[in-house]
């Protein structure tokens, strides 16, 4: 009787103490629209902006990070996307980089 009760208790504890399982998610940044970026539908815009910053600086061979400039560029991309929902974030970034 004690072993049966111990088995039920062990089973109950095992069921109550479950480790959550997280799905692995990948995002193709080239397909994120400005609408998704602005409305936070895909990912946190700050994280996408960090990735974009690294991507475009890597393409140009720039290894220097200017935090103030980074914040300004992130704000510019966000504002540009607010007015251009149909563009992708990469198109918006390229449009802004072409202006500078």
N, C-alpha and C. Protein backbone atom coordinates (compact mmCIF):
# COMPACT_ATOMS: atom_id res chain seq x y z
N UNK A 1 0.82 -1.20 0.00
CA UNK A 1 0.00 0.00 0.00
C UNK A 1 0.87 1.26 0.00
N UNK A 2 1.96 1.23 0.80
CA UNK A 2 2.85 2.39 0.83
C UNK A 2 3.55 2.60 -0.50
N UNK A 3 3.93 1.52 -1.16
CA UNK A 3 4.61 1.67 -2.45
C UNK A 3 3.66 2.19 -3.53
N UNK A 4 2.38 1.78 -3.45
CA UNK A 4 1.40 2.28 -4.40
C UNK A 4 1.18 3.78 -4.19
N UNK A 5 1.08 4.19 -2.94
CA UNK A 5 0.91 5.61 -2.62
C UNK A 5 2.15 6.40 -3.04
N UNK A 6 3.33 5.85 -2.82
CA UNK A 6 4.57 6.51 -3.21
C UNK A 6 4.65 6.64 -4.73
N UNK A 7 4.19 5.60 -5.45
CA UNK A 7 4.20 5.64 -6.91
C UNK A 7 3.25 6.72 -7.43
N UNK A 8 2.07 6.82 -6.85
CA UNK A 8 1.11 7.86 -7.26
C UNK A 8 1.65 9.24 -6.95
N UNK A 9 2.29 9.39 -5.80
CA UNK A 9 2.87 10.67 -5.43
C UNK A 9 3.99 11.05 -6.40
N UNK A 10 4.83 10.09 -6.75
CA UNK A 10 5.91 10.34 -7.69
C UNK A 10 5.36 10.72 -9.06
N UNK A 11 4.31 10.04 -9.50
CA UNK A 11 3.68 10.36 -10.78
C UNK A 11 3.08 11.76 -10.76
N UNK A 12 2.42 12.10 -9.68
CA UNK A 12 1.83 13.43 -9.54
C UNK A 12 2.90 14.51 -9.57
N UNK A 13 3.97 14.31 -8.86
CA UNK A 13 5.07 15.28 -8.85
C UNK A 13 5.68 15.41 -10.25
N UNK A 14 5.86 14.28 -10.92
CA UNK A 14 6.43 14.31 -12.27
C UNK A 14 5.54 15.08 -13.24
N UNK A 15 4.24 14.95 -13.09
CA UNK A 15 3.31 15.67 -13.97
C UNK A 15 3.26 17.16 -13.66
N UNK A 16 3.41 17.50 -12.40
CA UNK A 16 3.32 18.91 -12.01
C UNK A 16 4.62 19.68 -12.29
N UNK A 17 5.72 18.98 -12.26
CA UNK A 17 7.01 19.64 -12.47
C UNK A 17 7.50 19.32 -13.88
N UNK A 18 6.92 19.97 -14.86
CA UNK A 18 7.32 19.77 -16.24
C UNK A 18 8.13 20.97 -16.69
N UNK A 19 9.12 20.71 -17.46
CA UNK A 19 9.94 21.78 -18.02
C UNK A 19 9.27 22.25 -19.31
N UNK A 20 9.05 23.56 -19.43
CA UNK A 20 8.42 24.04 -20.67
C UNK A 20 9.34 23.81 -21.86
N UNK A 21 8.75 23.50 -22.99
CA UNK A 21 9.49 23.26 -24.22
C UNK A 21 9.30 24.47 -25.12
N UNK A 22 10.40 25.00 -25.60
CA UNK A 22 10.34 26.16 -26.48
C UNK A 22 10.63 25.74 -27.91
N UNK A 23 9.83 26.25 -28.82
CA UNK A 23 10.03 25.93 -30.23
C UNK A 23 11.14 26.81 -30.79
N UNK A 24 11.91 26.25 -31.68
CA UNK A 24 12.94 27.01 -32.34
C UNK A 24 12.29 27.76 -33.50
N UNK A 25 12.48 29.06 -33.54
CA UNK A 25 11.86 29.88 -34.56
C UNK A 25 12.95 30.62 -35.33
N UNK A 26 12.84 30.61 -36.63
CA UNK A 26 13.75 31.39 -37.45
C UNK A 26 12.93 32.43 -38.21
N UNK A 27 13.57 33.54 -38.49
CA UNK A 27 12.89 34.65 -39.17
C UNK A 27 13.73 35.07 -40.36
N UNK A 28 13.10 35.18 -41.51
CA UNK A 28 13.78 35.70 -42.70
C UNK A 28 13.57 37.22 -42.68
N UNK A 29 14.60 37.94 -42.30
CA UNK A 29 14.48 39.39 -42.13
C UNK A 29 14.15 40.08 -43.45
N UNK A 30 14.55 39.49 -44.56
CA UNK A 30 14.27 40.13 -45.86
C UNK A 30 12.78 40.14 -46.19
N UNK A 31 11.99 39.35 -45.46
CA UNK A 31 10.55 39.29 -45.72
C UNK A 31 9.71 40.05 -44.71
N UNK A 32 10.34 40.65 -43.70
CA UNK A 32 9.58 41.41 -42.70
C UNK A 32 9.12 42.72 -43.33
N UNK A 33 7.82 42.94 -43.31
CA UNK A 33 7.29 44.19 -43.87
C UNK A 33 7.38 45.29 -42.81
N UNK A 34 7.29 46.50 -43.27
CA UNK A 34 7.29 47.63 -42.34
C UNK A 34 6.09 47.56 -41.41
N UNK A 35 4.97 47.08 -41.92
CA UNK A 35 3.79 46.94 -41.07
C UNK A 35 4.07 45.95 -39.93
N UNK A 36 4.66 44.81 -40.25
CA UNK A 36 4.99 43.83 -39.22
C UNK A 36 6.00 44.40 -38.23
N UNK A 37 6.97 45.15 -38.75
CA UNK A 37 7.99 45.78 -37.91
C UNK A 37 7.36 46.80 -36.97
N UNK A 38 6.55 47.68 -37.53
CA UNK A 38 5.94 48.75 -36.75
C UNK A 38 4.98 48.21 -35.70
N UNK A 39 4.19 47.22 -36.05
CA UNK A 39 3.18 46.67 -35.15
C UNK A 39 3.71 45.52 -34.27
N UNK A 40 5.00 45.26 -34.36
CA UNK A 40 5.66 44.22 -33.54
C UNK A 40 5.03 42.84 -33.74
N UNK A 41 4.68 42.52 -34.96
CA UNK A 41 4.03 41.24 -35.25
C UNK A 41 5.03 40.09 -35.36
N UNK A 42 6.27 40.37 -35.73
CA UNK A 42 7.24 39.31 -35.95
C UNK A 42 8.25 39.21 -34.82
N UNK A 43 8.84 40.31 -34.46
CA UNK A 43 9.87 40.32 -33.43
C UNK A 43 9.97 41.73 -32.86
N UNK A 44 10.69 41.85 -31.78
CA UNK A 44 10.92 43.14 -31.17
C UNK A 44 11.69 44.01 -32.18
N UNK A 45 11.18 45.20 -32.51
CA UNK A 45 11.84 46.05 -33.50
C UNK A 45 13.28 46.39 -33.14
N UNK A 46 13.58 46.50 -31.86
CA UNK A 46 14.96 46.80 -31.46
C UNK A 46 15.90 45.67 -31.87
N UNK A 47 15.45 44.44 -31.72
CA UNK A 47 16.29 43.30 -32.10
C UNK A 47 16.46 43.22 -33.61
N UNK A 48 15.42 43.53 -34.34
CA UNK A 48 15.53 43.55 -35.81
C UNK A 48 16.48 44.66 -36.23
N UNK A 49 16.37 45.81 -35.58
CA UNK A 49 17.25 46.94 -35.91
C UNK A 49 18.71 46.61 -35.61
N UNK A 50 18.96 45.90 -34.53
CA UNK A 50 20.33 45.49 -34.20
C UNK A 50 20.86 44.57 -35.30
N UNK A 51 20.03 43.63 -35.74
CA UNK A 51 20.45 42.72 -36.80
C UNK A 51 20.74 43.50 -38.08
N UNK A 52 19.83 44.41 -38.44
CA UNK A 52 20.03 45.21 -39.66
C UNK A 52 21.31 46.03 -39.57
N UNK A 53 21.56 46.61 -38.42
CA UNK A 53 22.77 47.40 -38.23
C UNK A 53 24.01 46.54 -38.46
N UNK A 54 24.02 45.36 -37.87
CA UNK A 54 25.15 44.47 -38.07
C UNK A 54 25.28 44.01 -39.51
N UNK A 55 24.16 43.72 -40.15
CA UNK A 55 24.17 43.26 -41.53
C UNK A 55 24.76 44.31 -42.46
N UNK A 56 24.24 45.54 -42.39
CA UNK A 56 24.70 46.57 -43.31
C UNK A 56 26.10 47.06 -42.97
N UNK A 57 26.45 47.11 -41.70
CA UNK A 57 27.82 47.48 -41.35
C UNK A 57 28.80 46.39 -41.76
N UNK A 58 28.38 45.14 -41.66
CA UNK A 58 29.22 44.03 -42.10
C UNK A 58 29.45 44.08 -43.60
N UNK A 59 28.40 44.42 -44.36
CA UNK A 59 28.54 44.52 -45.82
C UNK A 59 29.54 45.60 -46.21
N UNK A 60 29.57 46.67 -45.43
CA UNK A 60 30.47 47.78 -45.77
C UNK A 60 31.83 47.65 -45.09
N UNK A 61 32.02 46.61 -44.29
CA UNK A 61 33.31 46.40 -43.64
C UNK A 61 33.52 47.27 -42.40
N UNK A 62 32.47 47.91 -41.94
CA UNK A 62 32.57 48.78 -40.76
C UNK A 62 32.42 47.94 -39.49
N UNK A 63 33.41 48.01 -38.60
CA UNK A 63 33.34 47.25 -37.35
C UNK A 63 33.13 48.15 -36.14
N UNK A 64 32.90 49.44 -36.37
CA UNK A 64 32.72 50.40 -35.28
C UNK A 64 31.23 50.61 -35.02
N UNK A 65 30.85 50.57 -33.75
CA UNK A 65 29.45 50.80 -33.38
C UNK A 65 29.38 52.13 -32.64
N UNK A 66 28.57 53.03 -33.16
CA UNK A 66 28.32 54.32 -32.51
C UNK A 66 26.91 54.25 -31.93
N UNK A 67 26.79 54.06 -30.60
CA UNK A 67 25.46 53.88 -29.99
C UNK A 67 24.48 55.01 -30.27
N UNK A 68 24.95 56.25 -30.28
CA UNK A 68 24.05 57.37 -30.54
C UNK A 68 23.55 57.34 -31.98
N UNK A 69 24.46 57.07 -32.90
CA UNK A 69 24.06 56.99 -34.31
C UNK A 69 23.11 55.81 -34.52
N UNK A 70 23.39 54.69 -33.83
CA UNK A 70 22.54 53.51 -33.94
C UNK A 70 21.12 53.83 -33.50
N UNK A 71 20.97 54.53 -32.38
CA UNK A 71 19.63 54.91 -31.90
C UNK A 71 18.92 55.82 -32.89
N UNK A 72 19.66 56.75 -33.47
CA UNK A 72 19.06 57.67 -34.45
C UNK A 72 18.61 56.92 -35.70
N UNK A 73 19.44 55.98 -36.17
CA UNK A 73 19.08 55.21 -37.36
C UNK A 73 17.87 54.33 -37.07
N UNK A 74 17.83 53.72 -35.89
CA UNK A 74 16.68 52.89 -35.51
C UNK A 74 15.41 53.73 -35.50
N UNK A 75 15.49 54.93 -34.97
CA UNK A 75 14.32 55.82 -34.93
C UNK A 75 13.91 56.20 -36.36
N UNK A 76 14.89 56.48 -37.21
CA UNK A 76 14.59 56.83 -38.60
C UNK A 76 13.89 55.69 -39.34
N UNK A 77 14.39 54.46 -39.14
CA UNK A 77 13.78 53.30 -39.79
C UNK A 77 12.35 53.12 -39.30
N UNK A 78 12.16 53.26 -38.00
CA UNK A 78 10.83 53.10 -37.42
C UNK A 78 9.86 54.13 -37.99
N UNK A 79 10.28 55.37 -38.06
CA UNK A 79 9.42 56.43 -38.59
C UNK A 79 9.16 56.24 -40.09
N UNK A 80 10.17 55.83 -40.83
CA UNK A 80 10.01 55.59 -42.26
C UNK A 80 9.01 54.46 -42.48
N UNK A 81 9.14 53.41 -41.70
CA UNK A 81 8.23 52.26 -41.82
C UNK A 81 6.79 52.64 -41.48
N UNK A 82 6.63 53.55 -40.55
CA UNK A 82 5.27 53.97 -40.18
C UNK A 82 4.54 54.59 -41.37
N UNK A 83 5.29 55.21 -42.25
CA UNK A 83 4.69 55.85 -43.42
C UNK A 83 4.69 54.97 -44.67
N UNK A 84 5.36 53.82 -44.59
CA UNK A 84 5.52 52.96 -45.77
C UNK A 84 5.28 51.50 -45.40
N UNK A 85 4.07 51.17 -44.99
CA UNK A 85 3.75 49.83 -44.50
C UNK A 85 3.99 48.72 -45.51
N UNK A 86 3.92 49.02 -46.81
CA UNK A 86 4.02 47.96 -47.81
C UNK A 86 5.46 47.55 -48.12
N UNK A 87 6.41 48.38 -47.78
CA UNK A 87 7.81 48.05 -48.02
C UNK A 87 8.31 47.01 -47.02
N UNK A 88 9.40 46.34 -47.37
CA UNK A 88 10.05 45.49 -46.38
C UNK A 88 10.98 46.38 -45.55
N UNK A 89 11.35 45.90 -44.40
CA UNK A 89 12.24 46.67 -43.53
C UNK A 89 13.60 46.87 -44.20
N UNK A 90 14.03 45.87 -44.94
CA UNK A 90 15.32 46.00 -45.64
C UNK A 90 15.23 47.06 -46.74
N UNK A 91 14.10 47.13 -47.44
CA UNK A 91 13.93 48.17 -48.45
C UNK A 91 13.92 49.55 -47.80
N UNK A 92 13.26 49.66 -46.66
CA UNK A 92 13.22 50.93 -45.93
C UNK A 92 14.62 51.34 -45.49
N UNK A 93 15.38 50.38 -44.99
CA UNK A 93 16.74 50.66 -44.54
C UNK A 93 17.61 51.10 -45.71
N UNK A 94 17.50 50.40 -46.82
CA UNK A 94 18.27 50.77 -48.01
C UNK A 94 17.87 52.14 -48.52
N UNK A 95 16.59 52.47 -48.48
CA UNK A 95 16.12 53.80 -48.92
C UNK A 95 16.72 54.88 -48.03
N UNK A 96 16.74 54.63 -46.73
CA UNK A 96 17.31 55.62 -45.82
C UNK A 96 18.83 55.73 -45.97
N UNK A 97 19.48 54.61 -46.18
CA UNK A 97 20.93 54.63 -46.32
C UNK A 97 21.33 55.32 -47.61
N UNK A 98 20.49 55.21 -48.64
CA UNK A 98 20.77 55.87 -49.91
C UNK A 98 20.66 57.38 -49.81
N UNK A 99 19.83 57.86 -48.87
CA UNK A 99 19.65 59.30 -48.69
C UNK A 99 20.84 59.93 -47.97
N UNK A 100 21.57 59.11 -47.21
CA UNK A 100 22.65 59.66 -46.38
C UNK A 100 23.98 59.58 -47.08
